[in-house]
Structures are given as structure tokens and as C-alpha cells.
């Protein structure tokens, strides 16, 4: 599991991005469960994620951050990255970010794609 904690903040909200290889929906669910065994991730406001399975099946989960899963999924599609889950975690900082929250999700995914060994 590749993790980049707390590399991005915006108006009090903190972001982290994690990811790793998965080959099925059950692997993706297990990845999230493993991530959330860490108390700070379990207490996060949102653990939004997406993956394109090796067979081409797209799966996403917004975890309450409406629309964020599709942002991750579209970036995976543009990179033609399959079999690799990316999770963007947000700890809400008390101020609504509006549309900027999608920019922060994009920033997190871009950071992951640029720095993680894929």
C-alpha cells in the first residue's frame, strides 16, 4: 500500500491519498477495510475511491463526498491505469470548499500518479 499523508490542506481540511494493486471488487473492499483499520483513516470524514478492474469494470465510491469518486475514475481512465485502486481521504476542516473540493481530489490523485511506484 502506497500512502501520502497530509500533503495537502485547504481551509482547514486535510487530505491524504493512498493506493495499491487490486484485481477484484472484493480486493478493493479489503483494501479500504485495511486502510480504515488505522484509527485516523477510520475517523476521516471521507475515504473516496475508484478503480478500473483488470477486466475493464469501473468501480467508484464517493463515501459522502458527492461526485468525488467519478473524478478519480476519470483520471484513472485518462491514465489507462487498471487494477490499481486510488483512495483520497479528507478530514473536514470546518469550512465548506464548494467546487474546490474537486480540485483538491484531482491534486491528490495527480500527486499519487506522479509519485507512487505503479
PDB file of N, CA and C in Angstrom:
ATOM      1  N   UNK A   1       0.854  -1.180   0.000  1.00  0.00           N
ATOM      2  CA  UNK A   1       0.000   0.000   0.000  1.00  0.00           C
ATOM      3  C   UNK A   1       0.895   1.237   0.000  1.00  0.00           C
ATOM      4  N   UNK A   2       0.653   2.115  -0.931  1.00  0.00           N
ATOM      5  CA  UNK A   2       1.357   3.392  -1.003  1.00  0.00           C
ATOM      6  C   UNK A   2       0.494   4.452  -0.321  1.00  0.00           C
ATOM      7  N   UNK A   3       1.088   5.247   0.575  1.00  0.00           N
ATOM      8  CA  UNK A   3       0.327   6.279   1.278  1.00  0.00           C
ATOM      9  C   UNK A   3       1.104   7.586   1.296  1.00  0.00           C
ATOM     10  N   UNK A   4       0.365   8.670   1.084  1.00  0.00           N
ATOM     11  CA  UNK A   4       0.909  10.020   1.177  1.00  0.00           C
ATOM     12  C   UNK A   4      -0.022  10.801   2.094  1.00  0.00           C
ATOM     13  N   UNK A   5       0.377  10.941   3.346  1.00  0.00           N
ATOM     14  CA  UNK A   5      -0.468  11.551   4.372  1.00  0.00           C
ATOM     15  C   UNK A   5      -0.248  13.046   4.471  1.00  0.00           C
ATOM     16  N   UNK A   6      -1.351  13.765   4.610  1.00  0.00           N
ATOM     17  CA  UNK A   6      -1.318  15.160   4.982  1.00  0.00           C
ATOM     18  C   UNK A   6      -0.489  16.066   4.098  1.00  0.00           C
ATOM     19  N   UNK A   7      -0.334  15.727   2.833  1.00  0.00           N
ATOM     20  CA  UNK A   7       0.490  16.534   1.952  1.00  0.00           C
ATOM     21  C   UNK A   7      -0.251  17.764   1.439  1.00  0.00           C
ATOM     22  N   UNK A   8      -1.569  17.826   1.653  1.00  0.00           N
ATOM     23  CA  UNK A   8      -2.375  18.898   1.089  1.00  0.00           C
ATOM     24  C   UNK A   8      -3.386  19.375   2.126  1.00  0.00           C
ATOM     25  N   UNK A   9      -3.503  20.678   2.278  1.00  0.00           N
ATOM     26  CA  UNK A   9      -4.525  21.259   3.151  1.00  0.00           C
ATOM     27  C   UNK A   9      -5.214  22.391   2.403  1.00  0.00           C
ATOM     28  N   UNK A  10      -6.479  22.632   2.781  1.00  0.00           N
ATOM     29  CA  UNK A  10      -7.240  23.731   2.190  1.00  0.00           C
ATOM     30  C   UNK A  10      -8.291  24.166   3.199  1.00  0.00           C
ATOM     31  N   UNK A  11      -8.147  25.388   3.697  1.00  0.00           N
ATOM     32  CA  UNK A  11      -9.097  25.976   4.642  1.00  0.00           C
ATOM     33  C   UNK A  11      -9.436  25.031   5.796  1.00  0.00           C
ATOM     34  N   UNK A  12      -8.423  24.394   6.312  1.00  0.00           N
ATOM     35  CA  UNK A  12      -8.587  23.527   7.472  1.00  0.00           C
ATOM     36  C   UNK A  12      -8.790  22.061   7.124  1.00  0.00           C
ATOM     37  N   UNK A  13      -9.279  21.758   5.943  1.00  0.00           N
ATOM     38  CA  UNK A  13      -9.421  20.361   5.532  1.00  0.00           C
ATOM     39  C   UNK A  13      -8.047  19.802   5.190  1.00  0.00           C
ATOM     40  N   UNK A  14      -7.816  18.555   5.582  1.00  0.00           N
ATOM     41  CA  UNK A  14      -6.561  17.873   5.289  1.00  0.00           C
ATOM     42  C   UNK A  14      -6.846  16.689   4.387  1.00  0.00           C
ATOM     43  N   UNK A  15      -5.925  16.426   3.482  1.00  0.00           N
ATOM     44  CA  UNK A  15      -6.081  15.357   2.504  1.00  0.00           C
ATOM     45  C   UNK A  15      -4.903  14.399   2.569  1.00  0.00           C
ATOM     46  N   UNK A  16      -5.206  13.161   2.254  1.00  0.00           N
ATOM     47  CA  UNK A  16      -4.184  12.134   2.059  1.00  0.00           C
ATOM     48  C   UNK A  16      -4.619  11.308   0.861  1.00  0.00           C
ATOM     49  N   UNK A  17      -3.676  10.622   0.256  1.00  0.00           N
ATOM     50  CA  UNK A  17      -4.002   9.749  -0.868  1.00  0.00           C
ATOM     51  C   UNK A  17      -3.257   8.432  -0.679  1.00  0.00           C
ATOM     52  N   UNK A  18      -3.952   7.346  -0.980  1.00  0.00           N
ATOM     53  CA  UNK A  18      -3.404   6.003  -0.832  1.00  0.00           C
ATOM     54  C   UNK A  18      -3.772   5.198  -2.062  1.00  0.00           C
ATOM     55  N   UNK A  19      -3.082   4.106  -2.262  1.00  0.00           N
ATOM     56  CA  UNK A  19      -3.434   3.246  -3.376  1.00  0.00           C
ATOM     57  C   UNK A  19      -2.620   1.979  -3.385  1.00  0.00           C
ATOM     58  N   UNK A  20      -3.015   1.088  -4.283  1.00  0.00           N
ATOM     59  CA  UNK A  20      -2.303  -0.167  -4.432  1.00  0.00           C
ATOM     60  C   UNK A  20      -3.008  -1.062  -5.432  1.00  0.00           C
ATOM     61  N   UNK A  21      -2.363  -2.170  -5.779  1.00  0.00           N
ATOM     62  CA  UNK A  21      -2.944  -3.077  -6.763  1.00  0.00           C
ATOM     63  C   UNK A  21      -4.145  -3.842  -6.203  1.00  0.00           C
ATOM     64  N   UNK A  22      -5.163  -3.997  -7.025  1.00  0.00           N
ATOM     65  CA  UNK A  22      -6.329  -4.833  -6.719  1.00  0.00           C
ATOM     66  C   UNK A  22      -6.766  -5.514  -8.009  1.00  0.00           C
ATOM     67  N   UNK A  23      -7.384  -6.683  -7.876  1.00  0.00           N
ATOM     68  CA  UNK A  23      -7.804  -7.395  -9.081  1.00  0.00           C
ATOM     69  C   UNK A  23      -9.288  -7.711  -9.101  1.00  0.00           C
ATOM     70  N   UNK A  24     -10.016  -7.350  -8.026  1.00  0.00           N
ATOM     71  CA  UNK A  24     -11.448  -7.636  -7.966  1.00  0.00           C
ATOM     72  C   UNK A  24     -12.126  -6.634  -7.028  1.00  0.00           C
ATOM     73  N   UNK A  25     -13.451  -6.633  -7.068  1.00  0.00           N
ATOM     74  CA  UNK A  25     -14.195  -5.762  -6.158  1.00  0.00           C
ATOM     75  C   UNK A  25     -13.927  -6.148  -4.716  1.00  0.00           C
ATOM     76  N   UNK A  26     -13.829  -7.440  -4.447  1.00  0.00           N
ATOM     77  CA  UNK A  26     -13.564  -7.873  -3.068  1.00  0.00           C
ATOM     78  C   UNK A  26     -12.174  -7.418  -2.621  1.00  0.00           C
ATOM     79  N   UNK A  27     -11.200  -7.392  -3.534  1.00  0.00           N
ATOM     80  CA  UNK A  27      -9.877  -6.849  -3.194  1.00  0.00           C
ATOM     81  C   UNK A  27      -9.975  -5.368  -2.846  1.00  0.00           C
ATOM     82  N   UNK A  28     -10.793  -4.621  -3.598  1.00  0.00           N
ATOM     83  CA  UNK A  28     -10.964  -3.183  -3.348  1.00  0.00           C
ATOM     84  C   UNK A  28     -11.583  -2.954  -1.976  1.00  0.00           C
ATOM     85  N   UNK A  29     -12.609  -3.719  -1.661  1.00  0.00           N
ATOM     86  CA  UNK A  29     -13.266  -3.595  -0.353  1.00  0.00           C
ATOM     87  C   UNK A  29     -12.279  -3.955   0.755  1.00  0.00           C
ATOM     88  N   UNK A  30     -11.490  -5.004   0.552  1.00  0.00           N
ATOM     89  CA  UNK A  30     -10.488  -5.401   1.548  1.00  0.00           C
ATOM     90  C   UNK A  30      -9.429  -4.311   1.719  1.00  0.00           C
ATOM     91  N   UNK A  31      -9.050  -3.647   0.624  1.00  0.00           N
ATOM     92  CA  UNK A  31      -8.081  -2.556   0.693  1.00  0.00           C
ATOM     93  C   UNK A  31      -8.615  -1.439   1.593  1.00  0.00           C
ATOM     94  N   UNK A  32      -9.874  -1.057   1.382  1.00  0.00           N
ATOM     95  CA  UNK A  32     -10.494   0.003   2.193  1.00  0.00           C
ATOM     96  C   UNK A  32     -10.572  -0.421   3.652  1.00  0.00           C
ATOM     97  N   UNK A  33     -10.951  -1.661   3.900  1.00  0.00           N
ATOM     98  CA  UNK A  33     -11.032  -2.150   5.286  1.00  0.00           C
ATOM     99  C   UNK A  33      -9.663  -2.108   5.953  1.00  0.00           C
ATOM    100  N   UNK A  34      -8.633  -2.496   5.223  1.00  0.00           N
ATOM    101  CA  UNK A  34      -7.274  -2.449   5.776  1.00  0.00           C
ATOM    102  C   UNK A  34      -6.869  -1.008   6.079  1.00  0.00           C
ATOM    103  N   UNK A  35      -7.140  -0.106   5.151  1.00  0.00           N
ATOM    104  CA  UNK A  35      -6.833   1.306   5.368  1.00  0.00           C
ATOM    105  C   UNK A  35      -7.532   1.836   6.617  1.00  0.00           C
ATOM    106  N   UNK A  36      -8.798   1.485   6.768  1.00  0.00           N
ATOM    107  CA  UNK A  36      -9.595   2.016   7.876  1.00  0.00           C
ATOM    108  C   UNK A  36      -9.319   1.324   9.214  1.00  0.00           C
ATOM    109  N   UNK A  37      -8.444   0.327   9.217  1.00  0.00           N
ATOM    110  CA  UNK A  37      -8.008  -0.245  10.497  1.00  0.00           C
ATOM    111  C   UNK A  37      -7.123   0.744  11.247  1.00  0.00           C
ATOM    112  N   UNK A  38      -6.539   1.672  10.495  1.00  0.00           N
ATOM    113  CA  UNK A  38      -5.786   2.752  11.122  1.00  0.00           C
ATOM    114  C   UNK A  38      -6.802   3.769  11.617  1.00  0.00           C
ATOM    115  N   UNK A  39      -6.741   4.062  12.900  1.00  0.00           N
ATOM    116  CA  UNK A  39      -7.761   4.897  13.542  1.00  0.00           C
ATOM    117  C   UNK A  39      -7.991   6.223  12.825  1.00  0.00           C
ATOM    118  N   UNK A  40      -6.924   6.890  12.396  1.00  0.00           N
ATOM    119  CA  UNK A  40      -7.110   8.203  11.783  1.00  0.00           C
ATOM    120  C   UNK A  40      -7.874   8.104  10.467  1.00  0.00           C
ATOM    121  N   UNK A  41      -7.700   7.018   9.710  1.00  0.00           N
ATOM    122  CA  UNK A  41      -8.458   6.849   8.470  1.00  0.00           C
ATOM    123  C   UNK A  41      -9.898   6.446   8.757  1.00  0.00           C
ATOM    124  N   UNK A  42     -10.091   5.666   9.779  1.00  0.00           N
ATOM    125  CA  UNK A  42     -11.451   5.278  10.171  1.00  0.00           C
ATOM    126  C   UNK A  42     -12.251   6.503  10.614  1.00  0.00           C
ATOM    127  N   UNK A  43     -11.579   7.505  11.187  1.00  0.00           N
ATOM    128  CA  UNK A  43     -12.257   8.707  11.674  1.00  0.00           C
ATOM    129  C   UNK A  43     -12.326   9.814  10.621  1.00  0.00           C
ATOM    130  N   UNK A  44     -11.789   9.565   9.437  1.00  0.00           N
ATOM    131  CA  UNK A  44     -11.822  10.574   8.372  1.00  0.00           C
ATOM    132  C   UNK A  44     -13.265  10.853   7.966  1.00  0.00           C
ATOM    133  N   UNK A  45     -13.494  12.051   7.479  1.00  0.00           N
ATOM    134  CA  UNK A  45     -14.823  12.427   7.005  1.00  0.00           C
ATOM    135  C   UNK A  45     -15.188  11.650   5.747  1.00  0.00           C
ATOM    136  N   UNK A  46     -14.217  11.492   4.836  1.00  0.00           N
ATOM    137  CA  UNK A  46     -14.463  10.786   3.571  1.00  0.00           C
ATOM    138  C   UNK A  46     -13.239   9.970   3.177  1.00  0.00           C
ATOM    139  N   UNK A  47     -13.490   8.743   2.726  1.00  0.00           N
ATOM    140  CA  UNK A  47     -12.495   7.914   2.065  1.00  0.00           C
ATOM    141  C   UNK A  47     -13.071   7.578   0.690  1.00  0.00           C
ATOM    142  N   UNK A  48     -12.856   8.464  -0.257  1.00  0.00           N
ATOM    143  CA  UNK A  48     -13.406   8.332  -1.596  1.00  0.00           C
ATOM    144  C   UNK A  48     -12.435   7.526  -2.451  1.00  0.00           C
ATOM    145  N   UNK A  49     -12.953   6.615  -3.272  1.00  0.00           N
ATOM    146  CA  UNK A  49     -12.046   5.779  -4.046  1.00  0.00           C
ATOM    147  C   UNK A  49     -12.634   5.360  -5.385  1.00  0.00           C
ATOM    148  N   UNK A  50     -11.726   4.889  -6.246  1.00  0.00           N
ATOM    149  CA  UNK A  50     -12.127   4.341  -7.543  1.00  0.00           C
ATOM    150  C   UNK A  50     -11.051   3.373  -8.019  1.00  0.00           C
ATOM    151  N   UNK A  51     -11.494   2.476  -8.884  1.00  0.00           N
ATOM    152  CA  UNK A  51     -10.593   1.509  -9.515  1.00  0.00           C
ATOM    153  C   UNK A  51     -11.220   1.069 -10.833  1.00  0.00           C
ATOM    154  N   UNK A  52     -10.375   0.768 -11.792  1.00  0.00           N
ATOM    155  CA  UNK A  52     -10.818   0.081 -13.008  1.00  0.00           C
ATOM    156  C   UNK A  52     -10.207  -1.311 -12.909  1.00  0.00           C
ATOM    157  N   UNK A  53     -11.066  -2.305 -12.759  1.00  0.00           N
ATOM    158  CA  UNK A  53     -10.581  -3.677 -12.600  1.00  0.00           C
ATOM    159  C   UNK A  53      -9.883  -4.144 -13.883  1.00  0.00           C
ATOM    160  N   UNK A  54      -9.026  -5.153 -13.778  1.00  0.00           N
ATOM    161  CA  UNK A  54      -8.315  -5.639 -14.968  1.00  0.00           C
ATOM    162  C   UNK A  54      -9.232  -6.041 -16.129  1.00  0.00           C
ATOM    163  N   UNK A  55     -10.471  -6.423 -15.828  1.00  0.00           N
ATOM    164  CA  UNK A  55     -11.407  -6.782 -16.908  1.00  0.00           C
ATOM    165  C   UNK A  55     -12.105  -5.555 -17.504  1.00  0.00           C
ATOM    166  N   UNK A  56     -11.742  -4.344 -17.010  1.00  0.00           N
ATOM    167  CA  UNK A  56     -12.309  -3.103 -17.535  1.00  0.00           C
ATOM    168  C   UNK A  56     -13.508  -2.571 -16.764  1.00  0.00           C
ATOM    169  N   UNK A  57     -13.945  -3.281 -15.737  1.00  0.00           N
ATOM    170  CA  UNK A  57     -15.088  -2.849 -14.941  1.00  0.00           C
ATOM    171  C   UNK A  57     -14.698  -1.671 -14.037  1.00  0.00           C
ATOM    172  N   UNK A  58     -15.386  -0.528 -14.177  1.00  0.00           N
ATOM    173  CA  UNK A  58     -15.095   0.607 -13.292  1.00  0.00           C
ATOM    174  C   UNK A  58     -15.922   0.505 -12.005  1.00  0.00           C
ATOM    175  N   UNK A  59     -15.302   0.815 -10.886  1.00  0.00           N
ATOM    176  CA  UNK A  59     -15.992   0.842  -9.592  1.00  0.00           C
ATOM    177  C   UNK A  59     -15.565   2.114  -8.882  1.00  0.00           C
ATOM    178  N   UNK A  60     -16.537   2.794  -8.255  1.00  0.00           N
ATOM    179  CA  UNK A  60     -16.210   4.006  -7.501  1.00  0.00           C
ATOM    180  C   UNK A  60     -17.084   4.078  -6.258  1.00  0.00           C
ATOM    181  N   UNK A  61     -16.629   4.838  -5.284  1.00  0.00           N
ATOM    182  CA  UNK A  61     -17.399   5.069  -4.073  1.00  0.00           C
ATOM    183  C   UNK A  61     -17.093   6.476  -3.579  1.00  0.00           C
ATOM    184  N   UNK A  62     -18.143   7.298  -3.464  1.00  0.00           N
ATOM    185  CA  UNK A  62     -17.982   8.692  -3.029  1.00  0.00           C
ATOM    186  C   UNK A  62     -17.829   8.839  -1.516  1.00  0.00           C
ATOM    187  N   UNK A  63     -18.304   7.884  -0.755  1.00  0.00           N
ATOM    188  CA  UNK A  63     -18.255   7.939   0.713  1.00  0.00           C
ATOM    189  C   UNK A  63     -18.720   9.294   1.238  1.00  0.00           C
ATOM    190  N   UNK A  64     -19.836   9.778   0.691  1.00  0.00           N
ATOM    191  CA  UNK A  64     -20.427  11.027   1.165  1.00  0.00           C
ATOM    192  C   UNK A  64     -19.884  12.290   0.515  1.00  0.00           C
ATOM    193  N   UNK A  65     -18.810  12.187  -0.238  1.00  0.00           N
ATOM    194  CA  UNK A  65     -18.221  13.342  -0.932  1.00  0.00           C
ATOM    195  C   UNK A  65     -18.739  13.305  -2.370  1.00  0.00           C
ATOM    196  N   UNK A  66     -20.000  13.676  -2.525  1.00  0.00           N
ATOM    197  CA  UNK A  66     -20.737  13.516  -3.773  1.00  0.00           C
ATOM    198  C   UNK A  66     -19.955  13.972  -4.997  1.00  0.00           C
ATOM    199  N   UNK A  67     -19.771  13.055  -5.949  1.00  0.00           N
ATOM    200  CA  UNK A  67     -19.092  13.361  -7.197  1.00  0.00           C
ATOM    201  C   UNK A  67     -17.597  13.135  -7.192  1.00  0.00           C
ATOM    202  N   UNK A  68     -17.001  12.894  -6.044  1.00  0.00           N
ATOM    203  CA  UNK A  68     -15.544  12.763  -5.979  1.00  0.00           C
ATOM    204  C   UNK A  68     -15.054  11.447  -6.582  1.00  0.00           C
ATOM    205  N   UNK A  69     -15.829  10.385  -6.433  1.00  0.00           N
ATOM    206  CA  UNK A  69     -15.425   9.092  -6.978  1.00  0.00           C
ATOM    207  C   UNK A  69     -15.279   9.130  -8.485  1.00  0.00           C
ATOM    208  N   UNK A  70     -16.181   9.841  -9.158  1.00  0.00           N
ATOM    209  CA  UNK A  70     -16.103   9.931 -10.617  1.00  0.00           C
ATOM    210  C   UNK A  70     -14.884  10.738 -11.060  1.00  0.00           C
ATOM    211  N   UNK A  71     -14.473  11.703 -10.261  1.00  0.00           N
ATOM    212  CA  UNK A  71     -13.262  12.476 -10.569  1.00  0.00           C
ATOM    213  C   UNK A  71     -12.051  11.533 -10.588  1.00  0.00           C
ATOM    214  N   UNK A  72     -11.958  10.675  -9.574  1.00  0.00           N
ATOM    215  CA  UNK A  72     -10.851   9.717  -9.506  1.00  0.00           C
ATOM    216  C   UNK A  72     -10.933   8.745 -10.685  1.00  0.00           C
ATOM    217  N   UNK A  73     -12.128   8.236 -10.943  1.00  0.00           N
ATOM    218  CA  UNK A  73     -12.323   7.274 -12.026  1.00  0.00           C
ATOM    219  C   UNK A  73     -11.915   7.858 -13.381  1.00  0.00           C
ATOM    220  N   UNK A  74     -12.307   9.091 -13.664  1.00  0.00           N
ATOM    221  CA  UNK A  74     -11.950   9.728 -14.941  1.00  0.00           C
ATOM    222  C   UNK A  74     -10.433   9.892 -15.081  1.00  0.00           C
ATOM    223  N   UNK A  75      -9.771  10.195 -13.977  1.00  0.00           N
ATOM    224  CA  UNK A  75      -8.316  10.332 -14.032  1.00  0.00           C
ATOM    225  C   UNK A  75      -7.650   8.974 -14.283  1.00  0.00           C
ATOM    226  N   UNK A  76      -8.187   7.918 -13.681  1.00  0.00           N
ATOM    227  CA  UNK A  76      -7.675   6.573 -13.950  1.00  0.00           C
ATOM    228  C   UNK A  76      -7.868   6.205 -15.415  1.00  0.00           C
ATOM    229  N   UNK A  77      -9.029   6.571 -15.965  1.00  0.00           N
ATOM    230  CA  UNK A  77      -9.298   6.295 -17.376  1.00  0.00           C
ATOM    231  C   UNK A  77      -8.314   7.030 -18.280  1.00  0.00           C
ATOM    232  N   UNK A  78      -8.064   8.304 -17.992  1.00  0.00           N
ATOM    233  CA  UNK A  78      -7.124   9.082 -18.804  1.00  0.00           C
ATOM    234  C   UNK A  78      -5.712   8.504 -18.765  1.00  0.00           C
ATOM    235  N   UNK A  79      -5.340   7.942 -17.608  1.00  0.00           N
ATOM    236  CA  UNK A  79      -4.012   7.345 -17.459  1.00  0.00           C
ATOM    237  C   UNK A  79      -3.971   5.904 -17.967  1.00  0.00           C
ATOM    238  N   UNK A  80      -5.148   5.360 -18.307  1.00  0.00           N
ATOM    239  CA  UNK A  80      -5.274   3.961 -18.728  1.00  0.00           C
ATOM    240  C   UNK A  80      -4.691   3.024 -17.664  1.00  0.00           C
ATOM    241  N   UNK A  81      -4.997   3.337 -16.399  1.00  0.00           N
ATOM    242  CA  UNK A  81      -4.484   2.570 -15.264  1.00  0.00           C
ATOM    243  C   UNK A  81      -5.562   1.612 -14.774  1.00  0.00           C
ATOM    244  N   UNK A  82      -5.305   0.330 -14.932  1.00  0.00           N
ATOM    245  CA  UNK A  82      -6.248  -0.685 -14.466  1.00  0.00           C
ATOM    246  C   UNK A  82      -5.616  -1.504 -13.350  1.00  0.00           C
ATOM    247  N   UNK A  83      -6.485  -2.113 -12.542  1.00  0.00           N
ATOM    248  CA  UNK A  83      -6.004  -2.974 -11.478  1.00  0.00           C
ATOM    249  C   UNK A  83      -5.303  -2.244 -10.355  1.00  0.00           C
ATOM    250  N   UNK A  84      -5.617  -0.957 -10.174  1.00  0.00           N
ATOM    251  CA  UNK A  84      -4.957  -0.152  -9.140  1.00  0.00           C
ATOM    252  C   UNK A  84      -5.988   0.795  -8.520  1.00  0.00           C
ATOM    253  N   UNK A  85      -6.228   0.642  -7.227  1.00  0.00           N
ATOM    254  CA  UNK A  85      -7.182   1.494  -6.514  1.00  0.00           C
ATOM    255  C   UNK A  85      -6.478   2.763  -6.043  1.00  0.00           C
ATOM    256  N   UNK A  86      -7.195   3.882  -6.114  1.00  0.00           N
ATOM    257  CA  UNK A  86      -6.711   5.134  -5.529  1.00  0.00           C
ATOM    258  C   UNK A  86      -7.787   5.642  -4.580  1.00  0.00           C
ATOM    259  N   UNK A  87      -7.367   5.964  -3.348  1.00  0.00           N
ATOM    260  CA  UNK A  87      -8.258   6.438  -2.296  1.00  0.00           C
ATOM    261  C   UNK A  87      -7.817   7.840  -1.887  1.00  0.00           C
ATOM    262  N   UNK A  88      -8.757   8.790  -1.943  1.00  0.00           N
ATOM    263  CA  UNK A  88      -8.482  10.148  -1.462  1.00  0.00           C
ATOM    264  C   UNK A  88      -9.245  10.314  -0.146  1.00  0.00           C
ATOM    265  N   UNK A  89      -8.499  10.583   0.902  1.00  0.00           N
ATOM    266  CA  UNK A  89      -9.068  10.738   2.245  1.00  0.00           C
ATOM    267  C   UNK A  89      -9.114  12.219   2.590  1.00  0.00           C
ATOM    268  N   UNK A  90     -10.256  12.635   3.166  1.00  0.00           N
ATOM    269  CA  UNK A  90     -10.400  14.028   3.595  1.00  0.00           C
ATOM    270  C   UNK A  90     -10.878  14.076   5.033  1.00  0.00           C
ATOM    271  N   UNK A  91     -10.196  14.919   5.809  1.00  0.00           N
ATOM    272  CA  UNK A  91     -10.650  15.246   7.158  1.00  0.00           C
ATOM    273  C   UNK A  91     -11.205  16.666   7.073  1.00  0.00           C
ATOM    274  N   UNK A  92     -12.488  16.817   7.265  1.00  0.00           N
ATOM    275  CA  UNK A  92     -13.177  18.102   7.123  1.00  0.00           C
ATOM    276  C   UNK A  92     -12.635  19.103   8.129  1.00  0.00           C
ATOM    277  N   UNK A  93     -12.358  20.313   7.652  1.00  0.00           N
ATOM    278  CA  UNK A  93     -11.747  21.330   8.495  1.00  0.00           C
ATOM    279  C   UNK A  93     -12.673  22.410   8.990  1.00  0.00           C
ATOM    280  N   UNK A  94     -13.977  22.271   8.756  1.00  0.00           N
ATOM    281  CA  UNK A  94     -14.920  23.239   9.298  1.00  0.00           C
ATOM    282  C   UNK A  94     -15.424  24.273   8.318  1.00  0.00           C
ATOM    283  N   UNK A  95     -14.813  24.347   7.129  1.00  0.00           N
ATOM    284  CA  UNK A  95     -15.276  25.304   6.122  1.00  0.00           C
ATOM    285  C   UNK A  95     -15.599  24.559   4.837  1.00  0.00           C
ATOM    286  N   UNK A  96     -16.754  24.887   4.272  1.00  0.00           N
ATOM    287  CA  UNK A  96     -17.145  24.265   3.017  1.00  0.00           C
ATOM    288  C   UNK A  96     -16.236  24.757   1.894  1.00  0.00           C
ATOM    289  N   UNK A  97     -15.797  23.814   1.061  1.00  0.00           N
ATOM    290  CA  UNK A  97     -14.879  24.144  -0.029  1.00  0.00           C
ATOM    291  C   UNK A  97     -15.594  24.336  -1.359  1.00  0.00           C
ATOM    292  N   UNK A  98     -16.879  23.983  -1.414  1.00  0.00           N
ATOM    293  CA  UNK A  98     -17.612  24.101  -2.669  1.00  0.00           C
ATOM    294  C   UNK A  98     -16.936  23.279  -3.749  1.00  0.00           C
ATOM    295  N   UNK A  99     -16.874  23.826  -4.947  1.00  0.00           N
ATOM    296  CA  UNK A  99     -16.263  23.130  -6.076  1.00  0.00           C
ATOM    297  C   UNK A  99     -14.773  22.910  -5.934  1.00  0.00           C
ATOM    298  N   UNK A 100     -14.132  23.670  -5.045  1.00  0.00           N
ATOM    299  CA  UNK A 100     -12.693  23.489  -4.842  1.00  0.00           C
ATOM    300  C   UNK A 100     -12.367  22.094  -4.325  1.00  0.00           C
ATOM    301  N   UNK A 101     -13.337  21.444  -3.700  1.00  0.00           N
ATOM    302  CA  UNK A 101     -13.057  20.103  -3.181  1.00  0.00           C
ATOM    303  C   UNK A 101     -12.705  19.147  -4.319  1.00  0.00           C
ATOM    304  N   UNK A 102     -13.278  19.355  -5.514  1.00  0.00           N
ATOM    305  CA  UNK A 102     -12.937  18.513  -6.661  1.00  0.00           C
ATOM    306  C   UNK A 102     -11.516  18.793  -7.145  1.00  0.00           C
ATOM    307  N   UNK A 103     -11.099  20.041  -7.061  1.00  0.00           N
ATOM    308  CA  UNK A 103      -9.724  20.374  -7.423  1.00  0.00           C
ATOM    309  C   UNK A 103      -8.742  19.708  -6.464  1.00  0.00           C
ATOM    310  N   UNK A 104      -9.091  19.671  -5.188  1.00  0.00           N
ATOM    311  CA  UNK A 104      -8.212  19.026  -4.212  1.00  0.00           C
ATOM    312  C   UNK A 104      -8.151  17.517  -4.452  1.00  0.00           C
ATOM    313  N   UNK A 105      -9.275  16.912  -4.831  1.00  0.00           N
ATOM    314  CA  UNK A 105      -9.268  15.479  -5.169  1.00  0.00           C
ATOM    315  C   UNK A 105      -8.362  15.252  -6.374  1.00  0.00           C
ATOM    316  N   UNK A 106      -8.487  16.099  -7.391  1.00  0.00           N
ATOM    317  CA  UNK A 106      -7.617  15.988  -8.566  1.00  0.00           C
ATOM    318  C   UNK A 106      -6.152  16.165  -8.180  1.00  0.00           C
ATOM    319  N   UNK A 107      -5.869  17.137  -7.319  1.00  0.00           N
ATOM    320  CA  UNK A 107      -4.494  17.367  -6.869  1.00  0.00           C
ATOM    321  C   UNK A 107      -3.942  16.128  -6.165  1.00  0.00           C
ATOM    322  N   UNK A 108      -4.770  15.506  -5.332  1.00  0.00           N
ATOM    323  CA  UNK A 108      -4.339  14.313  -4.593  1.00  0.00           C
ATOM    324  C   UNK A 108      -4.051  13.162  -5.548  1.00  0.00           C
ATOM    325  N   UNK A 109      -4.957  12.935  -6.491  1.00  0.00           N
ATOM    326  CA  UNK A 109      -4.753  11.845  -7.452  1.00  0.00           C
ATOM    327  C   UNK A 109      -3.514  12.119  -8.305  1.00  0.00           C
ATOM    328  N   UNK A 110      -3.341  13.348  -8.761  1.00  0.00           N
ATOM    329  CA  UNK A 110      -2.172  13.705  -9.566  1.00  0.00           C
ATOM    330  C   UNK A 110      -0.893  13.455  -8.775  1.00  0.00           C
ATOM    331  N   UNK A 111      -0.889  13.837  -7.486  1.00  0.00           N
ATOM    332  CA  UNK A 111       0.272  13.595  -6.631  1.00  0.00           C
ATOM    333  C   UNK A 111       0.581  12.095  -6.579  1.00  0.00           C
ATOM    334  N   UNK A 112      -0.452  11.308  -6.406  1.00  0.00           N
ATOM    335  CA  UNK A 112      -0.270   9.857  -6.340  1.00  0.00           C
ATOM    336  C   UNK A 112       0.307   9.322  -7.660  1.00  0.00           C
ATOM    337  N   UNK A 113      -0.308   9.712  -8.757  1.00  0.00           N
ATOM    338  CA  UNK A 113       0.134   9.217 -10.067  1.00  0.00           C
ATOM    339  C   UNK A 113       1.583   9.636 -10.371  1.00  0.00           C
ATOM    340  N   UNK A 114       1.972  10.820  -9.898  1.00  0.00           N
ATOM    341  CA  UNK A 114       3.322  11.313 -10.158  1.00  0.00           C
ATOM    342  C   UNK A 114       4.376  10.705  -9.238  1.00  0.00           C
ATOM    343  N   UNK A 115       3.978  10.231  -8.044  1.00  0.00           N
ATOM    344  CA  UNK A 115       4.970   9.804  -7.054  1.00  0.00           C
ATOM    345  C   UNK A 115       4.938   8.334  -6.672  1.00  0.00           C
ATOM    346  N   UNK A 116       3.842   7.649  -6.859  1.00  0.00           N
ATOM    347  CA  UNK A 116       3.741   6.251  -6.437  1.00  0.00           C
ATOM    348  C   UNK A 116       4.380   5.328  -7.479  1.00  0.00           C
ATOM    349  N   UNK A 117       5.027   4.278  -7.028  1.00  0.00           N
ATOM    350  CA  UNK A 117       5.530   3.288  -7.985  1.00  0.00           C
ATOM    351  C   UNK A 117       4.349   2.466  -8.502  1.00  0.00           C
ATOM    352  N   UNK A 118       4.019   2.623  -9.765  1.00  0.00           N
ATOM    353  CA  UNK A 118       2.861   1.926 -10.327  1.00  0.00           C
ATOM    354  C   UNK A 118       3.276   0.711 -11.131  1.00  0.00           C
TER     355      UNK A 118
END
